[in-house]
């Protein structure tokens, strides 16, 4: 697959080519170089060009665990990333925190982002779609939604049935009447569909659920949503997706399994008090090192809890206590209440 790297300046292209080579090599089981080596190179590149990263760097950074992780909350307060304010590029907005401010993730191009996203989705989805019918925001109307931007790359034929006024259940069902499809949905939008029209999907559909419920006005929890979706909608396959605007890579799973990151995304679980790495099998705060995050932050610190397995997969445990509520489903609920532009 050809990837156009021309949007990056000359000094960034060698690093972009290394990232691309790592993606291609790791998909074949032969990474082009050690993960840590490339992550450290990304940190050094960003520290020279991103004042936020530079300000968080104290002393030498020689190991993966020493790379400063930028907290997701800083994305709404400070200009995280290497792009000058007037540089052209792609702009994604975070969902905010219960009607609060939104952060920004800017990248010169979506070429690496989409190459990594599509490559890993192809490995994780049971079948690759030719059509998507989505309970997600239309990216043509909401170009700052990273989730919709990703799903739009999955198939040339697509339709979108979520907006500031809620779900378009009738249009959703009409689009599905034309045959099986990949169905992308946030948890909150899917809960709304189950309340209005819980009839089965056409045979052969794959249903993707992303986002959680914390902070929402709904009686469902995540496990109940999965059970109801399987019982009433009866998809041929039910998959789950975990991502965030601040990242450029996504994790995929199923309701009864941990989330699998791509080889170019590494999860680290830390003690939220001491910030020391936790052993596999113990719960803690999640950090991610993302080799696709060339223009943003190679390492971010989330407000989510999880458990890391020996194979690198992650079991999510929800938000840290007292953490602000945020996420793609929350943005939809905010939009319904405020009629603002919802994003991931």
Protein backbone atom coordinates (compact mmCIF):
# COMPACT_ATOMS: atom_id res chain seq x y z
CA UNK A 1 0.00 0.00 0.00
CA UNK A 2 1.47 3.35 -1.04
CA UNK A 3 1.50 6.04 1.65
CA UNK A 4 2.04 9.67 0.69
CA UNK A 5 4.48 11.29 3.12
CA UNK A 6 4.84 14.55 1.19
CA UNK A 7 2.85 16.58 3.74
CA UNK A 8 5.68 16.31 6.25
CA UNK A 9 8.70 18.62 6.02
CA UNK A 10 11.97 17.17 4.82
CA UNK A 11 13.41 16.85 8.32
CA UNK A 12 10.43 14.74 9.46
CA UNK A 13 10.26 12.36 6.51
CA UNK A 14 13.05 9.98 7.60
CA UNK A 15 11.18 9.41 10.85
CA UNK A 16 7.87 9.00 9.00
CA UNK A 17 9.52 6.39 6.76
CA UNK A 18 10.82 4.55 9.83
CA UNK A 19 7.31 4.49 11.30
CA UNK A 20 5.88 3.19 8.04
CA UNK A 21 8.59 0.52 7.83
CA UNK A 22 7.85 -0.54 11.40
CA UNK A 23 4.13 -0.91 10.64
CA UNK A 24 4.77 -2.95 7.52
CA UNK A 25 7.45 -5.10 9.11
CA UNK A 26 5.55 -5.80 12.32
CA UNK A 27 2.47 -6.90 10.37
CA UNK A 28 4.70 -9.54 8.78
CA UNK A 29 6.11 -10.50 12.17
CA UNK A 30 9.49 -8.85 11.49
CA UNK A 31 9.64 -5.30 12.93
CA UNK A 32 12.13 -3.12 11.12
CA UNK A 33 13.79 -2.04 14.39
CA UNK A 34 13.23 -2.33 18.14
CA UNK A 35 10.07 -0.59 19.38
CA UNK A 36 11.97 1.24 22.13
CA UNK A 37 14.55 2.61 19.71
CA UNK A 38 11.92 4.16 17.45
CA UNK A 39 9.88 5.47 20.39
CA UNK A 40 12.96 7.23 21.80
CA UNK A 41 13.70 8.75 18.38
CA UNK A 42 10.12 10.07 18.25
CA UNK A 43 10.47 11.54 21.74
CA UNK A 44 13.68 13.34 20.82
CA UNK A 45 12.14 14.69 17.61
CA UNK A 46 9.08 15.96 19.46
CA UNK A 47 11.03 17.39 22.39
CA UNK A 48 12.91 19.64 19.95
CA UNK A 49 9.69 20.91 18.38
CA UNK A 50 7.00 20.72 21.09
CA UNK A 51 7.47 23.04 24.09
CA UNK A 52 4.98 21.00 26.12
CA UNK A 53 7.00 17.81 25.69
CA UNK A 54 10.26 19.66 26.27
CA UNK A 55 8.95 21.15 29.53
CA UNK A 56 8.05 17.68 30.84
CA UNK A 57 11.49 16.24 30.03
CA UNK A 58 13.92 16.28 32.94
CA UNK A 59 17.30 14.66 32.47
CA UNK A 60 18.20 11.93 29.99
CA UNK A 61 15.49 9.73 28.50
CA UNK A 62 17.14 6.42 27.63
CA UNK A 63 14.38 3.88 28.27
CA UNK A 64 10.82 3.43 27.07
CA UNK A 65 9.41 3.86 30.60
CA UNK A 66 11.30 7.17 30.96
CA UNK A 67 9.52 8.86 28.04
CA UNK A 68 7.31 11.56 29.59
CA UNK A 69 3.64 10.83 28.97
CA UNK A 70 1.54 13.94 28.37
CA UNK A 71 -1.71 13.79 30.38
CA UNK A 72 -4.78 13.92 28.17
CA UNK A 73 -6.08 16.89 30.13
CA UNK A 74 -3.27 19.09 28.82
CA UNK A 75 -4.57 18.76 25.27
CA UNK A 76 -7.40 21.17 26.08
CA UNK A 77 -5.15 23.67 27.88
CA UNK A 78 -1.92 23.71 25.88
CA UNK A 79 -0.87 23.32 22.20
CA UNK A 80 0.45 19.76 22.34
CA UNK A 81 2.31 18.69 19.20
CA UNK A 82 4.93 19.74 16.71
CA UNK A 83 2.81 21.77 14.26
CA UNK A 84 3.10 25.57 14.24
CA UNK A 85 -0.25 27.29 14.85
CA UNK A 86 -0.57 28.39 11.21
CA UNK A 87 0.48 25.06 9.65
CA UNK A 88 -2.12 23.30 7.47
CA UNK A 89 -3.23 19.84 8.46
CA UNK A 90 -5.90 17.61 10.00
CA UNK A 91 -7.61 18.72 13.21
CA UNK A 92 -9.41 16.37 15.60
CA UNK A 93 -11.17 17.58 18.74
CA UNK A 94 -11.62 15.64 21.96
CA UNK A 95 -15.05 15.21 23.46
CA UNK A 96 -14.44 17.44 26.46
CA UNK A 97 -15.47 16.63 30.01
CA UNK A 98 -19.16 16.96 30.88
CA UNK A 99 -19.75 20.14 28.91
CA UNK A 100 -16.20 21.35 29.54
CA UNK A 101 -13.48 22.38 27.11
CA UNK A 102 -12.14 20.28 24.25
CA UNK A 103 -8.62 19.36 23.43
CA UNK A 104 -7.06 19.35 19.99
CA UNK A 105 -4.95 16.80 18.16
CA UNK A 106 -3.39 18.21 15.02
CA UNK A 107 -1.44 16.29 12.39
CA UNK A 108 0.05 17.36 9.10
CA UNK A 109 -1.61 14.51 7.25
CA UNK A 110 -3.86 11.55 8.01
CA UNK A 111 -1.71 9.27 5.83
CA UNK A 112 0.09 7.44 8.67
CA UNK A 113 -3.00 7.59 10.87
CA UNK A 114 -5.26 5.89 8.35
CA UNK A 115 -2.63 3.44 7.18
CA UNK A 116 -2.15 2.17 10.71
CA UNK A 117 -5.85 2.25 11.57
CA UNK A 118 -6.98 0.37 8.47
CA UNK A 119 -4.09 -2.11 8.61
CA UNK A 120 -4.90 -3.11 12.19
CA UNK A 121 -8.67 -3.13 11.68
CA UNK A 122 -8.17 -5.53 8.77
CA UNK A 123 -6.35 -7.89 11.14
CA UNK A 124 -8.99 -7.64 13.87
CA UNK A 125 -12.30 -7.66 11.99
CA UNK A 126 -13.68 -11.07 10.99
CA UNK A 127 -14.47 -9.84 7.47
CA UNK A 128 -13.53 -6.63 5.71
CA UNK A 129 -16.62 -4.54 4.89
CA UNK A 130 -17.72 -3.29 1.51
CA UNK A 131 -20.36 -1.09 3.13
CA UNK A 132 -20.75 0.65 6.50
CA UNK A 133 -24.01 1.81 8.08
CA UNK A 134 -23.19 3.81 11.16
CA UNK A 135 -24.73 5.25 14.29
CA UNK A 136 -21.90 7.75 14.20
CA UNK A 137 -21.55 11.37 13.16
CA UNK A 138 -21.19 12.08 9.45
CA UNK A 139 -17.53 13.09 8.95
CA UNK A 140 -18.54 15.37 6.08
CA UNK A 141 -20.49 17.46 8.59
CA UNK A 142 -18.24 16.80 11.59
CA UNK A 143 -14.66 16.61 10.25
CA UNK A 144 -13.13 16.91 13.72
CA UNK A 145 -14.40 13.46 14.79
CA UNK A 146 -11.46 11.05 14.78
CA UNK A 147 -13.77 8.06 15.19
CA UNK A 148 -15.88 8.89 12.13
CA UNK A 149 -12.74 9.77 10.17
CA UNK A 150 -11.39 6.27 10.84
CA UNK A 151 -14.61 4.38 10.02
CA UNK A 152 -15.04 6.40 6.82
CA UNK A 153 -11.84 4.76 5.54
CA UNK A 154 -13.24 1.24 5.93
CA UNK A 155 -15.46 1.12 2.84
CA UNK A 156 -16.39 3.33 -0.12
CA UNK A 157 -20.13 2.86 0.46
CA UNK A 158 -21.23 4.36 3.77
CA UNK A 159 -24.09 6.08 5.55
CA UNK A 160 -24.33 7.98 8.83
CA UNK A 161 -27.36 8.07 11.10
CA UNK A 162 -26.44 10.12 14.14
CA UNK A 163 -26.65 13.86 14.62
CA UNK A 164 -27.20 16.55 17.22
CA UNK A 165 -30.90 15.63 17.38
CA UNK A 166 -30.22 11.96 18.06
CA UNK A 167 -30.27 8.77 16.01
CA UNK A 168 -32.09 8.41 12.70
CA UNK A 169 -33.47 4.93 13.35
CA UNK A 170 -35.65 4.93 10.22
CA UNK A 171 -32.80 5.90 7.89
CA UNK A 172 -30.54 3.39 9.62
CA UNK A 173 -32.97 0.56 8.95
CA UNK A 174 -33.52 1.64 5.35
CA UNK A 175 -29.77 1.57 4.69
CA UNK A 176 -29.50 -1.90 6.24
CA UNK A 177 -32.35 -3.20 4.08
CA UNK A 178 -29.91 -3.20 1.17
CA UNK A 179 -27.87 -6.02 2.69
CA UNK A 180 -25.31 -6.84 5.37
CA UNK A 181 -22.86 -4.16 6.48
CA UNK A 182 -20.33 -3.15 9.07
CA UNK A 183 -22.26 -1.23 11.73
CA UNK A 184 -20.27 1.24 13.79
CA UNK A 185 -21.91 2.66 16.91
CA UNK A 186 -21.11 4.39 20.17
CA UNK A 187 -22.51 2.75 23.28
CA UNK A 188 -24.89 5.63 23.92
CA UNK A 189 -26.25 5.69 20.36
CA UNK A 190 -26.69 1.92 20.36
CA UNK A 191 -28.61 2.11 23.64
CA UNK A 192 -30.93 4.63 22.00
CA UNK A 193 -31.49 2.26 19.06
CA UNK A 194 -32.29 -0.64 21.38
CA UNK A 195 -34.93 1.49 23.07
CA UNK A 196 -36.54 2.56 19.80
CA UNK A 197 -36.06 -0.37 17.44
CA UNK A 198 -34.51 -3.56 18.87
CA UNK A 199 -35.24 -5.67 15.79
CA UNK A 200 -32.43 -7.90 14.44
CA UNK A 201 -29.82 -6.66 12.00
CA UNK A 202 -29.71 -8.34 8.59
CA UNK A 203 -27.74 -11.61 8.50
CA UNK A 204 -24.01 -11.16 8.06
CA UNK A 205 -23.60 -7.81 9.84
CA UNK A 206 -20.60 -7.02 12.02
CA UNK A 207 -21.42 -4.67 14.90
CA UNK A 208 -18.70 -2.48 16.41
CA UNK A 209 -19.36 -0.88 19.81
CA UNK A 210 -17.10 1.84 21.18
CA UNK A 211 -17.24 4.17 24.15
CA UNK A 212 -18.64 3.75 27.62
CA UNK A 213 -21.54 4.94 29.74
CA UNK A 214 -20.06 6.71 32.75
CA UNK A 215 -21.75 10.09 33.14
CA UNK A 216 -24.68 9.26 30.86
CA UNK A 217 -28.39 9.38 31.46
CA UNK A 218 -29.06 5.69 30.80
CA UNK A 219 -29.97 2.68 32.90
CA UNK A 220 -27.69 0.32 30.99
CA UNK A 221 -24.15 -0.67 31.90
CA UNK A 222 -21.59 -1.92 29.38
CA UNK A 223 -22.13 -5.64 29.97
CA UNK A 224 -25.90 -5.22 29.74
CA UNK A 225 -25.49 -3.35 26.46
CA UNK A 226 -23.40 -6.17 25.00
CA UNK A 227 -25.96 -8.74 26.14
CA UNK A 228 -28.91 -6.80 24.72
CA UNK A 229 -27.10 -6.13 21.44
CA UNK A 230 -26.32 -9.82 21.03
CA UNK A 231 -29.83 -10.92 22.04
CA UNK A 232 -31.92 -8.42 20.11
CA UNK A 233 -29.77 -7.20 17.20
CA UNK A 234 -28.16 -10.64 16.61
CA UNK A 235 -25.09 -9.50 14.68
CA UNK A 236 -23.03 -12.15 12.96
CA UNK A 237 -20.01 -10.71 14.79
CA UNK A 238 -19.79 -8.32 17.75
CA UNK A 239 -16.51 -6.45 18.22
CA UNK A 240 -15.36 -3.67 20.50
CA UNK A 241 -13.01 -0.76 19.79
CA UNK A 242 -11.02 1.45 22.15
CA UNK A 243 -9.41 4.64 20.97
CA UNK A 244 -9.11 8.28 21.86
CA UNK A 245 -8.57 11.48 19.94
CA UNK A 246 -5.13 12.01 21.48
CA UNK A 247 -3.94 8.68 20.06
CA UNK A 248 -3.36 7.76 16.42
CA UNK A 249 -3.82 4.00 16.97
CA UNK A 250 -6.72 1.87 18.17
CA UNK A 251 -7.25 -1.33 20.14
CA UNK A 252 -9.82 -3.97 19.16
CA UNK A 253 -11.49 -6.72 21.15
CA UNK A 254 -14.72 -8.55 21.84
CA UNK A 255 -17.12 -8.29 24.79
CA UNK A 256 -15.49 -11.24 26.54
CA UNK A 257 -11.85 -10.55 25.64
CA UNK A 258 -9.15 -7.98 26.36
CA UNK A 259 -8.30 -5.29 23.82
CA UNK A 260 -5.46 -6.04 21.39
CA UNK A 261 -3.20 -3.10 20.49
CA UNK A 262 -1.33 -3.10 17.19
CA UNK A 263 2.41 -3.81 17.38
CA UNK A 264 3.12 -0.07 17.03
CA UNK A 265 1.12 0.79 20.16
CA UNK A 266 2.43 -0.20 23.59
CA UNK A 267 0.39 -0.02 26.79
CA UNK A 268 2.03 0.67 30.14
CA UNK A 269 0.17 0.35 33.45
CA UNK A 270 1.41 2.59 36.26
CA UNK A 271 0.64 3.18 39.90
CA UNK A 272 -1.36 6.45 39.78
CA UNK A 273 0.32 7.67 42.98
CA UNK A 274 3.98 6.71 42.53
CA UNK A 275 3.87 6.60 38.69
CA UNK A 276 5.96 3.43 38.81
CA UNK A 277 5.18 0.69 36.25
CA UNK A 278 2.94 -2.09 37.56
CA UNK A 279 3.57 -5.79 36.91
CA UNK A 280 1.40 -7.61 34.39
CA UNK A 281 -1.84 -8.77 35.95
CA UNK A 282 -2.15 -5.83 38.37
CA UNK A 283 -4.52 -2.90 37.93
CA UNK A 284 -3.32 0.65 37.43
CA UNK A 285 -3.49 3.79 35.32
CA UNK A 286 -3.02 3.40 31.58
CA UNK A 287 -0.35 5.07 29.50
CA UNK A 288 0.19 4.48 25.80
CA UNK A 289 3.27 4.82 23.61
CA UNK A 290 2.05 5.28 20.04
CA UNK A 291 4.54 5.18 17.17
CA UNK A 292 1.92 6.58 14.78
CA UNK A 293 1.73 9.79 16.81
CA UNK A 294 4.40 11.59 14.80
CA UNK A 295 2.86 15.06 15.07
CA UNK A 296 1.20 14.84 18.49
CA UNK A 297 2.65 13.08 21.52
CA UNK A 298 4.40 9.73 21.29
CA UNK A 299 3.33 8.98 24.88
CA UNK A 300 0.08 9.96 26.57
CA UNK A 301 -1.30 9.35 30.03
CA UNK A 302 -5.00 8.51 30.18
CA UNK A 303 -7.51 8.71 33.02
CA UNK A 304 -8.48 5.08 32.47
CA UNK A 305 -7.65 2.03 34.53
CA UNK A 306 -6.60 -1.30 33.13
CA UNK A 307 -4.73 -4.54 33.54
CA UNK A 308 -1.92 -5.48 31.17
CA UNK A 309 -1.39 -9.10 30.14
CA UNK A 310 1.89 -10.73 29.19
CA UNK A 311 0.86 -10.68 25.52
CA UNK A 312 0.34 -6.90 25.59
CA UNK A 313 -3.47 -6.98 25.57
CA UNK A 314 -5.38 -4.67 27.91
CA UNK A 315 -8.44 -5.32 30.06
CA UNK A 316 -10.23 -2.03 30.71
CA UNK A 317 -11.55 -1.28 34.19
CA UNK A 318 -13.18 2.10 33.59
CA UNK A 319 -12.20 5.57 34.74
CA UNK A 320 -9.95 6.39 37.65
CA UNK A 321 -11.90 7.48 40.73
CA UNK A 322 -12.76 11.20 40.56
CA UNK A 323 -11.54 11.43 36.95
CA UNK A 324 -13.52 13.80 34.70
CA UNK A 325 -16.00 12.02 32.45
CA UNK A 326 -15.17 12.12 28.76
CA UNK A 327 -15.43 9.99 25.62
CA UNK A 328 -17.12 9.62 22.26
CA UNK A 329 -20.48 8.59 23.70
CA UNK A 330 -20.46 11.50 26.13
CA UNK A 331 -19.92 13.92 23.28
CA UNK A 332 -23.09 12.71 21.60
CA UNK A 333 -25.10 13.21 24.77
CA UNK A 334 -23.61 16.69 25.19
CA UNK A 335 -24.61 17.53 21.64
CA UNK A 336 -28.18 16.41 22.18
CA UNK A 337 -28.41 18.71 25.19
CA UNK A 338 -26.49 21.71 23.81
CA UNK A 339 -26.77 21.30 20.00
CA UNK A 340 -22.98 21.71 19.73
CA UNK A 341 -20.71 19.98 17.24
CA UNK A 342 -19.98 16.48 18.60
CA UNK A 343 -16.65 14.73 17.95
CA UNK A 344 -15.03 11.47 19.09
